[in-house]
């Protein structure tokens, strides 16, 4: 699987396991898809297909990405920011599109190295930073 042009820092699967999101030093987030039926059929590794690339949302290296059970993708980067993305329901002929849901500028005073959704509380996200802090965020609405 090729797609990024620099170091890939993290990846995360969607809840059903048939999509994956990756983040990179190249300032992009990429969404990938595979045939879940082939995976469950035990026929070995199913091929992954690149669906879309999200770029221009972070100004520095994207270190962390995590896909929630509700389908929200969170990213954390060296620009001290966190971004949230969701699949657009606008129906694209070329495949699924993802759109920016929310920006949190200056989420930390330094690089955001990790973002992780809470398994027990769907709307809680933890972020960790070079500033030595861990913050808990609650996403109130995804309208």
N, C-alpha and C. Protein backbone atom coordinates (compact mmCIF):
# COMPACT_ATOMS: atom_id res chain seq x y z
N UNK A 1 0.84 -1.16 0.00
CA UNK A 1 0.00 0.00 0.00
C UNK A 1 0.90 1.24 0.00
N UNK A 2 0.81 2.03 -1.02
CA UNK A 2 1.58 3.26 -1.10
C UNK A 2 0.63 4.42 -1.26
N UNK A 3 1.06 5.59 -0.84
CA UNK A 3 0.19 6.75 -0.97
C UNK A 3 0.80 7.99 -0.38
N UNK A 4 1.34 7.88 0.82
CA UNK A 4 2.00 9.03 1.43
C UNK A 4 3.40 9.17 0.84
N UNK A 5 3.92 10.40 0.86
CA UNK A 5 5.25 10.63 0.30
C UNK A 5 6.28 10.84 1.41
N UNK A 6 5.88 10.62 2.66
CA UNK A 6 6.79 10.77 3.78
C UNK A 6 6.35 9.84 4.91
N UNK A 7 6.97 9.97 6.06
CA UNK A 7 6.71 9.12 7.21
C UNK A 7 5.23 9.07 7.56
N UNK A 8 4.71 7.86 7.75
CA UNK A 8 3.34 7.67 8.24
C UNK A 8 3.45 7.49 9.75
N UNK A 9 2.80 8.36 10.49
CA UNK A 9 2.92 8.36 11.94
C UNK A 9 1.88 7.50 12.65
N UNK A 10 0.69 7.39 12.10
CA UNK A 10 -0.36 6.65 12.81
C UNK A 10 -1.43 6.19 11.84
N UNK A 11 -2.21 5.21 12.30
CA UNK A 11 -3.37 4.74 11.54
C UNK A 11 -4.44 4.30 12.51
N UNK A 12 -5.67 4.24 12.00
CA UNK A 12 -6.80 3.82 12.82
C UNK A 12 -7.86 3.23 11.90
N UNK A 13 -8.52 2.18 12.37
CA UNK A 13 -9.60 1.55 11.62
C UNK A 13 -10.95 2.15 12.03
N UNK A 14 -11.90 2.13 11.08
CA UNK A 14 -13.26 2.52 11.43
C UNK A 14 -13.89 1.37 12.21
N UNK A 15 -15.07 1.58 12.82
CA UNK A 15 -15.67 0.54 13.66
C UNK A 15 -15.92 -0.80 12.95
N UNK A 16 -16.26 -0.78 11.67
CA UNK A 16 -16.52 -2.04 10.99
C UNK A 16 -15.26 -2.69 10.44
N UNK A 17 -14.13 -1.97 10.47
CA UNK A 17 -12.86 -2.55 10.05
C UNK A 17 -12.61 -2.58 8.56
N UNK A 18 -13.52 -2.02 7.77
CA UNK A 18 -13.33 -2.05 6.31
C UNK A 18 -12.73 -0.76 5.76
N UNK A 19 -12.49 0.22 6.65
CA UNK A 19 -11.82 1.46 6.25
C UNK A 19 -10.72 1.76 7.26
N UNK A 20 -9.71 2.47 6.77
CA UNK A 20 -8.58 2.84 7.60
C UNK A 20 -8.21 4.27 7.26
N UNK A 21 -7.74 5.01 8.27
CA UNK A 21 -7.26 6.37 8.06
C UNK A 21 -5.80 6.41 8.49
N UNK A 22 -4.97 7.12 7.71
CA UNK A 22 -3.55 7.27 8.03
C UNK A 22 -3.20 8.75 8.05
N UNK A 23 -2.15 9.09 8.80
CA UNK A 23 -1.67 10.47 8.84
C UNK A 23 -0.16 10.48 8.69
N UNK A 24 0.35 11.61 8.20
CA UNK A 24 1.74 11.60 7.78
C UNK A 24 2.46 12.92 7.99
N UNK A 25 3.77 12.81 7.84
CA UNK A 25 4.68 13.94 7.81
C UNK A 25 4.41 14.83 6.59
N UNK A 26 3.73 14.26 5.57
CA UNK A 26 3.45 15.02 4.34
C UNK A 26 2.23 15.94 4.46
N UNK A 27 1.71 16.08 5.69
CA UNK A 27 0.59 16.97 6.02
C UNK A 27 -0.75 16.51 5.44
N UNK A 28 -0.85 15.22 5.12
CA UNK A 28 -2.10 14.69 4.59
C UNK A 28 -2.69 13.61 5.49
N UNK A 29 -3.99 13.44 5.34
CA UNK A 29 -4.74 12.36 5.97
C UNK A 29 -5.33 11.57 4.80
N UNK A 30 -5.14 10.27 4.81
CA UNK A 30 -5.65 9.45 3.71
C UNK A 30 -6.63 8.41 4.24
N UNK A 31 -7.70 8.21 3.49
CA UNK A 31 -8.73 7.22 3.82
C UNK A 31 -8.57 6.06 2.84
N UNK A 32 -8.59 4.85 3.38
CA UNK A 32 -8.42 3.62 2.60
C UNK A 32 -9.61 2.71 2.85
N UNK A 33 -9.88 1.80 1.91
CA UNK A 33 -11.01 0.87 2.03
C UNK A 33 -10.60 -0.50 1.53
N UNK A 34 -11.19 -1.52 2.12
CA UNK A 34 -10.98 -2.88 1.65
C UNK A 34 -12.32 -3.60 1.61
N UNK A 35 -12.32 -4.77 1.02
CA UNK A 35 -13.52 -5.59 0.92
C UNK A 35 -13.63 -6.41 2.20
N UNK A 36 -14.55 -6.00 3.08
CA UNK A 36 -14.71 -6.66 4.38
C UNK A 36 -15.14 -8.12 4.22
N UNK A 37 -15.86 -8.44 3.17
CA UNK A 37 -16.32 -9.81 2.93
C UNK A 37 -15.12 -10.73 2.69
N UNK A 38 -14.16 -10.26 1.90
CA UNK A 38 -12.95 -11.04 1.65
C UNK A 38 -12.17 -11.25 2.94
N UNK A 39 -12.08 -10.22 3.77
CA UNK A 39 -11.35 -10.33 5.03
C UNK A 39 -11.99 -11.38 5.93
N UNK A 40 -13.32 -11.39 6.02
CA UNK A 40 -14.01 -12.33 6.89
C UNK A 40 -14.02 -13.74 6.32
N UNK A 41 -13.85 -13.85 5.01
CA UNK A 41 -13.86 -15.15 4.37
C UNK A 41 -12.58 -15.95 4.57
N UNK A 42 -11.58 -15.35 5.18
CA UNK A 42 -10.35 -16.06 5.45
C UNK A 42 -9.49 -16.30 4.23
N UNK A 43 -9.65 -15.49 3.21
CA UNK A 43 -8.89 -15.67 1.98
C UNK A 43 -7.58 -14.88 1.99
N UNK A 44 -7.02 -14.66 3.16
CA UNK A 44 -5.78 -13.89 3.24
C UNK A 44 -6.06 -12.40 3.34
N UNK A 45 -5.04 -11.64 3.06
CA UNK A 45 -5.15 -10.18 3.16
C UNK A 45 -5.88 -9.61 1.95
N UNK A 46 -6.92 -8.88 2.22
CA UNK A 46 -7.65 -8.20 1.14
C UNK A 46 -6.87 -6.94 0.74
N UNK A 47 -6.91 -6.57 -0.52
CA UNK A 47 -6.21 -5.35 -0.94
C UNK A 47 -6.92 -4.10 -0.42
N UNK A 48 -6.13 -3.09 -0.10
CA UNK A 48 -6.65 -1.80 0.36
C UNK A 48 -6.59 -0.81 -0.78
N UNK A 49 -7.68 -0.06 -0.96
CA UNK A 49 -7.79 0.93 -2.04
C UNK A 49 -7.86 2.32 -1.44
N UNK A 50 -7.11 3.25 -2.03
CA UNK A 50 -7.12 4.64 -1.57
C UNK A 50 -8.44 5.28 -1.99
N UNK A 51 -9.17 5.87 -1.03
CA UNK A 51 -10.46 6.51 -1.31
C UNK A 51 -10.32 8.01 -1.50
N UNK A 52 -9.63 8.67 -0.57
CA UNK A 52 -9.50 10.12 -0.67
C UNK A 52 -8.36 10.64 0.20
N UNK A 53 -7.94 11.84 -0.10
CA UNK A 53 -6.88 12.51 0.64
C UNK A 53 -7.42 13.84 1.16
N UNK A 54 -7.19 14.09 2.44
CA UNK A 54 -7.54 15.36 3.06
C UNK A 54 -6.25 16.13 3.28
N UNK A 55 -6.15 17.30 2.69
CA UNK A 55 -4.93 18.10 2.85
C UNK A 55 -5.30 19.56 3.08
N UNK A 56 -4.36 20.30 3.64
CA UNK A 56 -4.59 21.72 3.91
C UNK A 56 -5.25 22.00 5.24
N UNK A 57 -5.40 20.99 6.08
CA UNK A 57 -6.08 21.18 7.36
C UNK A 57 -5.12 21.37 8.53
N UNK A 58 -3.88 20.91 8.38
CA UNK A 58 -2.83 21.12 9.38
C UNK A 58 -1.64 21.75 8.67
N UNK A 59 -0.91 22.60 9.40
CA UNK A 59 0.24 23.30 8.84
C UNK A 59 1.56 22.60 9.11
N UNK A 60 1.56 21.62 9.99
CA UNK A 60 2.77 20.89 10.33
C UNK A 60 2.45 19.41 10.44
N UNK A 61 3.46 18.59 10.68
CA UNK A 61 3.32 17.13 10.73
C UNK A 61 2.09 16.69 11.53
N UNK A 62 1.34 15.75 10.95
CA UNK A 62 0.17 15.16 11.62
C UNK A 62 0.65 13.88 12.29
N UNK A 63 0.68 13.90 13.62
CA UNK A 63 1.24 12.78 14.38
C UNK A 63 0.23 11.71 14.75
N UNK A 64 -1.03 12.06 14.86
CA UNK A 64 -1.99 11.11 15.41
C UNK A 64 -3.33 11.21 14.71
N UNK A 65 -3.97 10.07 14.59
CA UNK A 65 -5.31 9.99 14.01
C UNK A 65 -6.07 8.88 14.74
N UNK A 66 -7.36 9.09 14.98
CA UNK A 66 -8.16 8.08 15.64
C UNK A 66 -9.60 8.17 15.16
N UNK A 67 -10.19 7.03 14.82
CA UNK A 67 -11.54 6.95 14.27
C UNK A 67 -12.49 6.50 15.37
N UNK A 68 -13.51 7.28 15.69
CA UNK A 68 -14.44 6.95 16.77
C UNK A 68 -15.48 5.93 16.31
N UNK A 69 -16.17 5.36 17.29
CA UNK A 69 -17.26 4.42 16.97
C UNK A 69 -18.41 5.12 16.28
N UNK A 70 -18.51 6.44 16.42
CA UNK A 70 -19.57 7.21 15.76
C UNK A 70 -19.14 7.68 14.37
N UNK A 71 -17.94 7.31 13.93
CA UNK A 71 -17.49 7.66 12.60
C UNK A 71 -16.79 9.00 12.50
N UNK A 72 -16.38 9.57 13.63
CA UNK A 72 -15.67 10.85 13.63
C UNK A 72 -14.17 10.58 13.66
N UNK A 73 -13.45 11.20 12.75
CA UNK A 73 -12.00 11.07 12.71
C UNK A 73 -11.40 12.29 13.41
N UNK A 74 -10.53 12.04 14.39
CA UNK A 74 -9.82 13.12 15.08
C UNK A 74 -8.35 13.05 14.68
N UNK A 75 -7.73 14.22 14.49
CA UNK A 75 -6.30 14.28 14.18
C UNK A 75 -5.62 15.27 15.12
N UNK A 76 -4.36 14.99 15.44
CA UNK A 76 -3.55 15.88 16.24
C UNK A 76 -2.23 16.10 15.54
N UNK A 77 -1.69 17.33 15.60
CA UNK A 77 -0.52 17.66 14.80
C UNK A 77 0.45 18.59 15.53
N UNK A 78 1.59 18.79 14.87
CA UNK A 78 2.65 19.66 15.40
C UNK A 78 2.28 21.13 15.34
N UNK A 79 1.15 21.46 14.75
CA UNK A 79 0.67 22.85 14.74
C UNK A 79 -0.15 23.18 15.99
N UNK A 80 -0.10 22.26 16.99
CA UNK A 80 -0.77 22.41 18.29
C UNK A 80 -2.28 22.30 18.20
N UNK A 81 -2.79 21.81 17.07
CA UNK A 81 -4.23 21.80 16.81
C UNK A 81 -4.80 20.38 16.72
N UNK A 82 -6.10 20.31 16.92
CA UNK A 82 -6.87 19.08 16.73
C UNK A 82 -7.94 19.40 15.69
N UNK A 83 -8.18 18.44 14.79
CA UNK A 83 -9.22 18.57 13.78
C UNK A 83 -10.15 17.36 13.87
N UNK A 84 -11.42 17.59 13.50
CA UNK A 84 -12.42 16.53 13.49
C UNK A 84 -13.04 16.46 12.10
N UNK A 85 -13.18 15.25 11.56
CA UNK A 85 -13.74 15.04 10.22
C UNK A 85 -14.84 13.99 10.28
N UNK A 86 -15.81 14.12 9.38
CA UNK A 86 -16.88 13.13 9.23
C UNK A 86 -17.09 12.86 7.75
N UNK A 87 -17.68 11.71 7.48
CA UNK A 87 -18.02 11.40 6.09
C UNK A 87 -19.15 12.31 5.65
N UNK A 88 -19.00 12.88 4.48
CA UNK A 88 -20.02 13.76 3.92
C UNK A 88 -21.14 12.90 3.35
N UNK A 89 -22.35 13.28 3.62
CA UNK A 89 -23.52 12.54 3.11
C UNK A 89 -24.02 13.12 1.79
N UNK A 90 -23.19 13.93 1.13
CA UNK A 90 -23.60 14.60 -0.09
C UNK A 90 -23.62 13.68 -1.31
N UNK A 91 -23.17 12.44 -1.15
CA UNK A 91 -23.24 11.47 -2.23
C UNK A 91 -22.37 11.79 -3.42
N UNK A 92 -21.16 11.35 -3.39
CA UNK A 92 -20.23 11.58 -4.48
C UNK A 92 -20.20 10.39 -5.43
N UNK A 93 -20.09 10.65 -6.71
CA UNK A 93 -19.99 9.59 -7.71
C UNK A 93 -18.65 8.88 -7.58
N UNK A 94 -17.61 9.63 -7.22
CA UNK A 94 -16.26 9.08 -7.13
C UNK A 94 -16.01 8.29 -5.84
N UNK A 95 -16.94 8.23 -4.94
CA UNK A 95 -16.74 7.54 -3.67
C UNK A 95 -16.98 8.49 -2.51
N UNK A 96 -16.77 7.99 -1.31
CA UNK A 96 -17.06 8.81 -0.15
C UNK A 96 -16.13 10.01 -0.04
N UNK A 97 -16.68 11.09 0.46
CA UNK A 97 -15.91 12.30 0.73
C UNK A 97 -15.97 12.56 2.22
N UNK A 98 -14.96 13.17 2.74
CA UNK A 98 -14.92 13.51 4.15
C UNK A 98 -14.78 15.01 4.28
N UNK A 99 -15.45 15.57 5.28
CA UNK A 99 -15.43 17.02 5.44
C UNK A 99 -15.00 17.37 6.86
N UNK A 100 -14.46 18.57 6.99
CA UNK A 100 -14.06 19.08 8.28
C UNK A 100 -15.31 19.37 9.11
N UNK A 101 -15.34 18.84 10.31
CA UNK A 101 -16.46 19.05 11.23
C UNK A 101 -16.13 20.20 12.19
N UNK A 102 -14.89 20.21 12.70
CA UNK A 102 -14.53 21.17 13.73
C UNK A 102 -13.02 21.35 13.78
N UNK A 103 -12.59 22.58 14.05
CA UNK A 103 -11.17 22.91 14.27
C UNK A 103 -11.00 23.32 15.73
N UNK A 104 -9.96 22.83 16.36
CA UNK A 104 -9.60 23.31 17.71
C UNK A 104 -8.17 23.82 17.61
N UNK A 105 -8.05 25.13 17.36
CA UNK A 105 -6.74 25.78 17.29
C UNK A 105 -6.14 25.84 18.69
N UNK A 106 -4.84 25.79 18.78
CA UNK A 106 -4.14 25.89 20.05
C UNK A 106 -4.76 24.98 21.11
N UNK A 107 -5.02 23.75 20.72
CA UNK A 107 -5.54 22.77 21.67
C UNK A 107 -4.54 22.54 22.80
N UNK A 108 -3.27 22.69 22.48
CA UNK A 108 -2.18 22.59 23.45
C UNK A 108 -1.19 23.70 23.16
N UNK A 109 -0.25 23.90 24.08
CA UNK A 109 0.77 24.92 23.89
C UNK A 109 1.91 24.45 23.00
N UNK A 110 1.99 23.14 22.78
CA UNK A 110 3.03 22.56 21.92
C UNK A 110 2.39 21.45 21.08
N UNK A 111 3.23 20.70 20.33
CA UNK A 111 2.75 19.64 19.44
C UNK A 111 1.73 18.73 20.11
N UNK A 112 0.67 18.38 19.37
CA UNK A 112 -0.29 17.36 19.81
C UNK A 112 0.23 16.03 19.26
N UNK A 113 0.69 15.16 20.15
CA UNK A 113 1.31 13.90 19.74
C UNK A 113 0.35 12.73 19.65
N UNK A 114 -0.78 12.82 20.35
CA UNK A 114 -1.69 11.69 20.37
C UNK A 114 -3.12 12.16 20.61
N UNK A 115 -4.06 11.56 19.88
CA UNK A 115 -5.49 11.73 20.14
C UNK A 115 -6.11 10.34 20.21
N UNK A 116 -7.01 10.16 21.16
CA UNK A 116 -7.62 8.84 21.35
C UNK A 116 -9.03 9.00 21.88
N UNK A 117 -10.00 8.40 21.16
CA UNK A 117 -11.38 8.41 21.62
C UNK A 117 -11.54 7.46 22.79
N UNK A 118 -12.44 7.79 23.71
CA UNK A 118 -12.77 6.95 24.85
C UNK A 118 -13.75 5.87 24.39
N UNK A 119 -13.45 4.61 24.66
CA UNK A 119 -14.34 3.51 24.23
C UNK A 119 -15.66 3.51 24.98
N UNK A 120 -15.66 3.94 26.24
CA UNK A 120 -16.88 3.93 27.05
C UNK A 120 -17.77 5.13 26.83
N UNK A 121 -17.18 6.28 26.55
CA UNK A 121 -17.94 7.51 26.34
C UNK A 121 -17.66 8.00 24.92
N UNK A 122 -18.58 7.76 24.02
CA UNK A 122 -18.37 8.01 22.59
C UNK A 122 -17.87 9.40 22.23
N UNK A 123 -18.26 10.41 22.96
CA UNK A 123 -17.93 11.79 22.59
C UNK A 123 -16.75 12.38 23.35
N UNK A 124 -16.02 11.54 24.11
CA UNK A 124 -14.86 12.02 24.85
C UNK A 124 -13.57 11.67 24.11
N UNK A 125 -12.72 12.68 23.94
CA UNK A 125 -11.44 12.51 23.27
C UNK A 125 -10.33 12.97 24.20
N UNK A 126 -9.27 12.18 24.31
CA UNK A 126 -8.09 12.58 25.08
C UNK A 126 -7.01 13.00 24.09
N UNK A 127 -6.26 14.03 24.46
CA UNK A 127 -5.12 14.44 23.64
C UNK A 127 -3.91 14.61 24.54
N UNK A 128 -2.74 14.27 24.01
CA UNK A 128 -1.48 14.38 24.75
C UNK A 128 -0.52 15.23 23.93
N UNK A 129 0.35 15.97 24.65
CA UNK A 129 1.17 16.96 23.98
C UNK A 129 2.59 17.02 24.52
N UNK A 130 3.47 17.62 23.72
CA UNK A 130 4.83 17.91 24.16
C UNK A 130 4.84 18.89 25.33
N UNK A 131 3.73 19.57 25.58
CA UNK A 131 3.69 20.52 26.69
C UNK A 131 3.53 19.81 28.04
N UNK A 132 3.48 18.47 28.01
CA UNK A 132 3.40 17.68 29.23
C UNK A 132 1.99 17.50 29.77
N UNK A 133 0.99 17.90 29.00
CA UNK A 133 -0.39 17.78 29.48
C UNK A 133 -1.18 16.75 28.67
N UNK A 134 -2.19 16.23 29.34
CA UNK A 134 -3.22 15.41 28.70
C UNK A 134 -4.52 16.17 28.92
N UNK A 135 -5.29 16.36 27.86
CA UNK A 135 -6.57 17.06 27.99
C UNK A 135 -7.70 16.14 27.54
N UNK A 136 -8.84 16.29 28.18
CA UNK A 136 -10.04 15.54 27.82
C UNK A 136 -11.02 16.54 27.20
N UNK A 137 -11.49 16.19 26.02
CA UNK A 137 -12.42 17.05 25.28
C UNK A 137 -13.74 16.32 25.13
N UNK A 138 -14.83 17.07 25.22
CA UNK A 138 -16.15 16.51 24.98
C UNK A 138 -16.74 17.15 23.73
N UNK A 139 -17.04 16.34 22.75
CA UNK A 139 -17.68 16.83 21.53
C UNK A 139 -19.19 16.84 21.80
N UNK A 140 -19.75 18.01 21.90
CA UNK A 140 -21.15 18.17 22.33
C UNK A 140 -22.12 17.85 21.21
N UNK A 141 -21.85 18.33 20.00
CA UNK A 141 -22.80 18.14 18.91
C UNK A 141 -22.05 17.80 17.63
N UNK A 142 -22.62 16.92 16.80
CA UNK A 142 -22.03 16.63 15.51
C UNK A 142 -22.97 16.99 14.39
N UNK A 143 -23.84 17.94 14.65
CA UNK A 143 -24.82 18.39 13.63
C UNK A 143 -24.15 19.00 12.44
